[in-house]
Amino acid sequence: MEEVSIFFNSECQKCNSVMEILKQKKIQAKVINYLDGNITEEDIKTVLAKLKISAEKLVRKTEHVFKENFADKKMTDEDYIQAMLKYPILIQRPIIVKGNQAIIGRPPEYVLDIL
């Protein structure tokens, strides 16, 4: 069975809901606490490729830090990636990765599509 990983924030209700789904399915996932600042540019690019989305679509534009620092700026994919590295709270969550696939668990039931 392919390894399952979850980009996780313990204070996020959706993340906790996805963890409950994984528990119900008896799936042990590698937990990536991305807010710890231990993700790399390569990690983000890999997830983007698996999600098949642009960097802009991975950014939480409703976050205060985005509105304060980036809302009025024209940004490239690389700019969005650098913003997520500097402010990991901007990364959409939860993200489930399995093999060459990934999905954002919003709503949490979406993760069932790759499990």
N, C-alpha and C. Protein backbone atom coordinates (compact mmCIF):
# COMPACT_ATOMS: atom_id res chain seq x y z
N MET A 1 0.84 -1.19 0.00
CA MET A 1 0.00 0.00 0.00
C MET A 1 0.88 1.24 0.00
N GLU A 2 0.51 2.22 -0.80
CA GLU A 2 1.27 3.46 -0.88
C GLU A 2 1.12 4.27 0.41
N GLU A 3 2.22 4.96 0.76
CA GLU A 3 2.20 5.80 1.95
C GLU A 3 1.24 6.97 1.75
N VAL A 4 0.53 7.32 2.80
CA VAL A 4 -0.37 8.45 2.81
C VAL A 4 0.23 9.50 3.75
N SER A 5 0.26 10.74 3.28
CA SER A 5 0.74 11.85 4.10
C SER A 5 -0.37 12.89 4.20
N ILE A 6 -0.35 13.64 5.29
CA ILE A 6 -1.31 14.72 5.47
C ILE A 6 -0.57 15.96 5.94
N PHE A 7 -0.79 17.07 5.22
CA PHE A 7 -0.31 18.37 5.67
C PHE A 7 -1.34 18.83 6.70
N PHE A 8 -0.90 18.96 7.95
CA PHE A 8 -1.82 18.99 9.09
C PHE A 8 -1.58 20.20 9.97
N ASN A 9 -2.69 20.77 10.45
CA ASN A 9 -2.70 21.83 11.45
C ASN A 9 -3.69 21.39 12.52
N SER A 10 -3.21 21.12 13.71
CA SER A 10 -4.06 20.57 14.77
C SER A 10 -5.19 21.52 15.18
N GLU A 11 -5.07 22.80 14.87
CA GLU A 11 -6.11 23.77 15.22
C GLU A 11 -7.16 23.92 14.12
N CYS A 12 -7.02 23.16 13.05
CA CYS A 12 -7.93 23.25 11.91
C CYS A 12 -8.99 22.15 12.02
N GLN A 13 -10.24 22.56 12.02
CA GLN A 13 -11.34 21.61 12.13
C GLN A 13 -11.35 20.64 10.95
N LYS A 14 -11.09 21.13 9.74
CA LYS A 14 -11.08 20.26 8.56
C LYS A 14 -9.96 19.23 8.65
N CYS A 15 -8.78 19.65 9.14
CA CYS A 15 -7.67 18.70 9.32
C CYS A 15 -8.06 17.61 10.30
N ASN A 16 -8.68 18.00 11.39
CA ASN A 16 -9.08 17.01 12.39
C ASN A 16 -10.18 16.09 11.85
N SER A 17 -11.05 16.61 11.02
CA SER A 17 -12.08 15.77 10.40
C SER A 17 -11.45 14.75 9.46
N VAL A 18 -10.44 15.18 8.69
CA VAL A 18 -9.74 14.25 7.80
C VAL A 18 -9.01 13.19 8.61
N MET A 19 -8.40 13.59 9.70
CA MET A 19 -7.71 12.60 10.55
C MET A 19 -8.69 11.56 11.07
N GLU A 20 -9.90 11.98 11.38
CA GLU A 20 -10.93 11.05 11.84
C GLU A 20 -11.31 10.08 10.73
N ILE A 21 -11.42 10.57 9.50
CA ILE A 21 -11.70 9.70 8.35
C ILE A 21 -10.58 8.68 8.19
N LEU A 22 -9.34 9.13 8.29
CA LEU A 22 -8.19 8.21 8.18
C LEU A 22 -8.24 7.16 9.28
N LYS A 23 -8.57 7.59 10.48
CA LYS A 23 -8.67 6.66 11.61
C LYS A 23 -9.76 5.61 11.36
N GLN A 24 -10.92 6.07 10.87
CA GLN A 24 -12.02 5.16 10.58
C GLN A 24 -11.64 4.14 9.50
N LYS A 25 -10.84 4.58 8.55
CA LYS A 25 -10.40 3.72 7.46
C LYS A 25 -9.16 2.90 7.84
N LYS A 26 -8.69 3.08 9.08
CA LYS A 26 -7.50 2.38 9.59
C LYS A 26 -6.26 2.65 8.71
N ILE A 27 -6.13 3.92 8.32
CA ILE A 27 -4.99 4.34 7.51
C ILE A 27 -4.05 5.15 8.37
N GLN A 28 -2.83 4.67 8.47
CA GLN A 28 -1.78 5.39 9.20
C GLN A 28 -1.15 6.39 8.24
N ALA A 29 -1.28 7.66 8.53
CA ALA A 29 -0.72 8.69 7.65
C ALA A 29 0.50 9.32 8.30
N LYS A 30 1.44 9.67 7.46
CA LYS A 30 2.58 10.46 7.91
C LYS A 30 2.07 11.89 8.07
N VAL A 31 2.20 12.42 9.28
CA VAL A 31 1.69 13.76 9.58
C VAL A 31 2.80 14.78 9.34
N ILE A 32 2.49 15.76 8.50
CA ILE A 32 3.44 16.84 8.20
C ILE A 32 2.87 18.10 8.84
N ASN A 33 3.48 18.50 9.94
CA ASN A 33 3.07 19.73 10.62
C ASN A 33 3.72 20.91 9.92
N TYR A 34 3.10 21.31 8.83
CA TYR A 34 3.71 22.30 7.94
C TYR A 34 3.89 23.66 8.59
N LEU A 35 3.17 23.96 9.65
CA LEU A 35 3.32 25.26 10.33
C LEU A 35 4.64 25.36 11.09
N ASP A 36 5.31 24.23 11.28
CA ASP A 36 6.60 24.22 11.98
C ASP A 36 7.71 24.86 11.15
N GLY A 37 7.42 25.18 9.90
CA GLY A 37 8.42 25.80 9.05
C GLY A 37 9.43 24.83 8.49
N ASN A 38 9.09 23.54 8.49
CA ASN A 38 10.05 22.54 8.01
C ASN A 38 9.75 22.05 6.60
N ILE A 39 8.87 22.75 5.88
CA ILE A 39 8.63 22.37 4.48
C ILE A 39 9.55 23.20 3.58
N THR A 40 9.86 22.63 2.46
CA THR A 40 10.80 23.26 1.54
C THR A 40 10.08 23.72 0.27
N GLU A 41 10.79 24.47 -0.51
CA GLU A 41 10.26 24.89 -1.81
C GLU A 41 9.95 23.66 -2.66
N GLU A 42 10.83 22.67 -2.59
CA GLU A 42 10.61 21.43 -3.35
C GLU A 42 9.35 20.71 -2.87
N ASP A 43 9.10 20.70 -1.56
CA ASP A 43 7.88 20.09 -1.03
C ASP A 43 6.64 20.75 -1.63
N ILE A 44 6.63 22.07 -1.66
CA ILE A 44 5.48 22.79 -2.20
C ILE A 44 5.32 22.51 -3.69
N LYS A 45 6.41 22.54 -4.43
CA LYS A 45 6.34 22.28 -5.87
C LYS A 45 5.86 20.87 -6.16
N THR A 46 6.30 19.92 -5.36
CA THR A 46 5.86 18.53 -5.53
C THR A 46 4.36 18.40 -5.27
N VAL A 47 3.88 19.02 -4.21
CA VAL A 47 2.45 18.98 -3.90
C VAL A 47 1.64 19.66 -4.99
N LEU A 48 2.13 20.79 -5.48
CA LEU A 48 1.43 21.49 -6.56
C LEU A 48 1.31 20.60 -7.80
N ALA A 49 2.38 19.90 -8.13
CA ALA A 49 2.36 19.01 -9.29
C ALA A 49 1.35 17.88 -9.08
N LYS A 50 1.30 17.34 -7.88
CA LYS A 50 0.37 16.24 -7.60
C LYS A 50 -1.08 16.74 -7.55
N LEU A 51 -1.27 17.97 -7.09
CA LEU A 51 -2.61 18.56 -7.06
C LEU A 51 -3.05 19.03 -8.45
N LYS A 52 -2.05 19.28 -9.30
CA LYS A 52 -2.31 19.80 -10.65
C LYS A 52 -3.00 21.16 -10.61
N ILE A 53 -2.46 22.04 -9.74
CA ILE A 53 -2.98 23.40 -9.62
C ILE A 53 -1.83 24.39 -9.62
N SER A 54 -2.15 25.65 -9.82
CA SER A 54 -1.15 26.70 -9.74
C SER A 54 -0.88 27.03 -8.27
N ALA A 55 0.23 27.66 -8.02
CA ALA A 55 0.58 28.05 -6.65
C ALA A 55 -0.48 28.99 -6.07
N GLU A 56 -1.02 29.85 -6.90
CA GLU A 56 -2.04 30.79 -6.42
C GLU A 56 -3.24 30.06 -5.81
N LYS A 57 -3.62 28.93 -6.39
CA LYS A 57 -4.78 28.19 -5.90
C LYS A 57 -4.52 27.48 -4.57
N LEU A 58 -3.25 27.37 -4.18
CA LEU A 58 -2.91 26.73 -2.90
C LEU A 58 -2.87 27.74 -1.76
N VAL A 59 -3.00 29.01 -2.09
CA VAL A 59 -2.89 30.08 -1.08
C VAL A 59 -4.25 30.41 -0.49
N ARG A 60 -4.26 30.55 0.83
CA ARG A 60 -5.46 30.97 1.56
C ARG A 60 -5.49 32.50 1.57
N LYS A 61 -6.22 33.07 0.66
CA LYS A 61 -6.23 34.52 0.50
C LYS A 61 -7.06 35.24 1.56
N THR A 62 -7.80 34.49 2.35
CA THR A 62 -8.59 35.11 3.42
C THR A 62 -7.79 35.32 4.69
N GLU A 63 -6.59 34.75 4.75
CA GLU A 63 -5.75 34.92 5.94
C GLU A 63 -5.31 36.38 6.07
N HIS A 64 -5.28 36.85 7.29
CA HIS A 64 -4.87 38.23 7.59
C HIS A 64 -3.50 38.54 7.00
N VAL A 65 -2.56 37.62 7.14
CA VAL A 65 -1.21 37.86 6.65
C VAL A 65 -1.19 38.05 5.13
N PHE A 66 -2.07 37.37 4.42
CA PHE A 66 -2.14 37.58 2.97
C PHE A 66 -2.69 38.96 2.66
N LYS A 67 -3.80 39.29 3.28
CA LYS A 67 -4.42 40.59 3.04
C LYS A 67 -3.46 41.73 3.36
N GLU A 68 -2.70 41.57 4.44
CA GLU A 68 -1.79 42.61 4.89
C GLU A 68 -0.55 42.75 4.00
N ASN A 69 -0.04 41.65 3.49
CA ASN A 69 1.24 41.67 2.78
C ASN A 69 1.18 41.50 1.26
N PHE A 70 0.10 40.88 0.75
CA PHE A 70 0.13 40.49 -0.65
C PHE A 70 -1.11 40.86 -1.46
N ALA A 71 -2.18 41.26 -0.83
CA ALA A 71 -3.46 41.43 -1.52
C ALA A 71 -3.39 42.36 -2.73
N ASP A 72 -2.60 43.40 -2.67
CA ASP A 72 -2.56 44.38 -3.76
C ASP A 72 -1.42 44.16 -4.73
N LYS A 73 -0.71 43.04 -4.60
CA LYS A 73 0.46 42.79 -5.44
C LYS A 73 0.15 41.83 -6.58
N LYS A 74 0.77 42.07 -7.72
CA LYS A 74 0.70 41.13 -8.84
C LYS A 74 1.79 40.09 -8.56
N MET A 75 1.39 38.82 -8.49
CA MET A 75 2.33 37.78 -8.07
C MET A 75 2.42 36.67 -9.10
N THR A 76 3.64 36.13 -9.23
CA THR A 76 3.88 34.96 -10.07
C THR A 76 3.74 33.72 -9.20
N ASP A 77 3.77 32.55 -9.84
CA ASP A 77 3.76 31.31 -9.06
C ASP A 77 4.92 31.28 -8.07
N GLU A 78 6.08 31.70 -8.51
CA GLU A 78 7.25 31.71 -7.62
C GLU A 78 7.02 32.65 -6.44
N ASP A 79 6.39 33.79 -6.66
CA ASP A 79 6.08 34.72 -5.57
C ASP A 79 5.14 34.05 -4.56
N TYR A 80 4.13 33.34 -5.07
CA TYR A 80 3.20 32.65 -4.16
C TYR A 80 3.93 31.57 -3.36
N ILE A 81 4.81 30.83 -4.02
CA ILE A 81 5.58 29.79 -3.32
C ILE A 81 6.42 30.41 -2.22
N GLN A 82 7.10 31.50 -2.52
CA GLN A 82 7.94 32.16 -1.51
C GLN A 82 7.08 32.69 -0.36
N ALA A 83 5.90 33.19 -0.67
CA ALA A 83 4.99 33.66 0.39
C ALA A 83 4.58 32.51 1.30
N MET A 84 4.29 31.34 0.71
CA MET A 84 3.90 30.17 1.52
C MET A 84 5.06 29.68 2.37
N LEU A 85 6.28 29.78 1.84
CA LEU A 85 7.44 29.38 2.63
C LEU A 85 7.64 30.32 3.81
N LYS A 86 7.47 31.59 3.58
CA LYS A 86 7.65 32.58 4.65
C LYS A 86 6.51 32.53 5.66
N TYR A 87 5.29 32.31 5.15
CA TYR A 87 4.09 32.28 5.99
C TYR A 87 3.32 30.99 5.71
N PRO A 88 3.72 29.87 6.31
CA PRO A 88 3.06 28.59 6.03
C PRO A 88 1.55 28.57 6.31
N ILE A 89 1.08 29.49 7.14
CA ILE A 89 -0.35 29.56 7.43
C ILE A 89 -1.16 29.82 6.16
N LEU A 90 -0.50 30.30 5.11
CA LEU A 90 -1.18 30.59 3.85
C LEU A 90 -1.52 29.35 3.04
N ILE A 91 -0.95 28.21 3.40
CA ILE A 91 -1.16 26.99 2.63
C ILE A 91 -2.53 26.40 2.93
N GLN A 92 -3.29 26.11 1.87
CA GLN A 92 -4.58 25.43 2.03
C GLN A 92 -4.36 24.13 2.80
N ARG A 93 -5.37 23.75 3.54
CA ARG A 93 -5.27 22.53 4.34
C ARG A 93 -6.66 21.93 4.51
N PRO A 94 -6.69 20.68 4.83
CA PRO A 94 -5.60 19.70 4.84
C PRO A 94 -5.30 19.21 3.42
N ILE A 95 -4.09 18.80 3.21
CA ILE A 95 -3.69 18.20 1.94
C ILE A 95 -3.33 16.75 2.22
N ILE A 96 -3.94 15.86 1.47
CA ILE A 96 -3.63 14.44 1.58
C ILE A 96 -2.84 14.05 0.33
N VAL A 97 -1.73 13.36 0.54
CA VAL A 97 -0.89 12.90 -0.56
C VAL A 97 -0.80 11.38 -0.49
N LYS A 98 -1.03 10.76 -1.64
CA LYS A 98 -0.90 9.30 -1.75
C LYS A 98 -0.29 9.01 -3.11
N GLY A 99 0.93 8.51 -3.10
CA GLY A 99 1.61 8.22 -4.36
C GLY A 99 1.77 9.47 -5.19
N ASN A 100 1.31 9.43 -6.43
CA ASN A 100 1.41 10.58 -7.33
C ASN A 100 0.16 11.45 -7.31
N GLN A 101 -0.70 11.24 -6.33
CA GLN A 101 -1.94 11.99 -6.23
C GLN A 101 -1.96 12.82 -4.95
N ALA A 102 -2.70 13.90 -5.00
CA ALA A 102 -2.94 14.71 -3.81
C ALA A 102 -4.31 15.36 -3.95
N ILE A 103 -4.88 15.71 -2.82
CA ILE A 103 -6.18 16.37 -2.82
C ILE A 103 -6.25 17.27 -1.60
N ILE A 104 -6.93 18.38 -1.76
CA ILE A 104 -7.19 19.27 -0.63
C ILE A 104 -8.51 18.81 -0.02
N GLY A 105 -8.50 18.54 1.26
CA GLY A 105 -9.67 18.01 1.95
C GLY A 105 -10.67 19.07 2.37
N ARG A 106 -11.18 19.78 1.41
CA ARG A 106 -12.21 20.80 1.63
C ARG A 106 -13.34 20.54 0.66
N PRO A 107 -14.39 19.93 1.07
CA PRO A 107 -14.69 19.39 2.39
C PRO A 107 -13.90 18.10 2.66
N PRO A 108 -13.83 17.70 3.91
CA PRO A 108 -13.01 16.54 4.28
C PRO A 108 -13.32 15.27 3.50
N GLU A 109 -14.57 15.08 3.08
CA GLU A 109 -14.96 13.86 2.37
C GLU A 109 -14.25 13.72 1.03
N TYR A 110 -13.68 14.80 0.50
CA TYR A 110 -12.94 14.72 -0.77
C TYR A 110 -11.79 13.73 -0.69
N VAL A 111 -11.23 13.55 0.50
CA VAL A 111 -10.07 12.66 0.63
C VAL A 111 -10.42 11.21 0.30
N LEU A 112 -11.68 10.88 0.41
CA LEU A 112 -12.10 9.51 0.09
C LEU A 112 -11.80 9.16 -1.36
N ASP A 113 -11.73 10.16 -2.23
CA ASP A 113 -11.47 9.95 -3.64
C ASP A 113 -10.09 9.34 -3.92
N ILE A 114 -9.12 9.58 -3.03
CA ILE A 114 -7.78 9.00 -3.28
C ILE A 114 -7.41 7.91 -2.29
N LEU A 115 -8.28 7.66 -1.32
CA LEU A 115 -7.97 6.61 -0.36
C LEU A 115 -8.41 5.27 -0.90
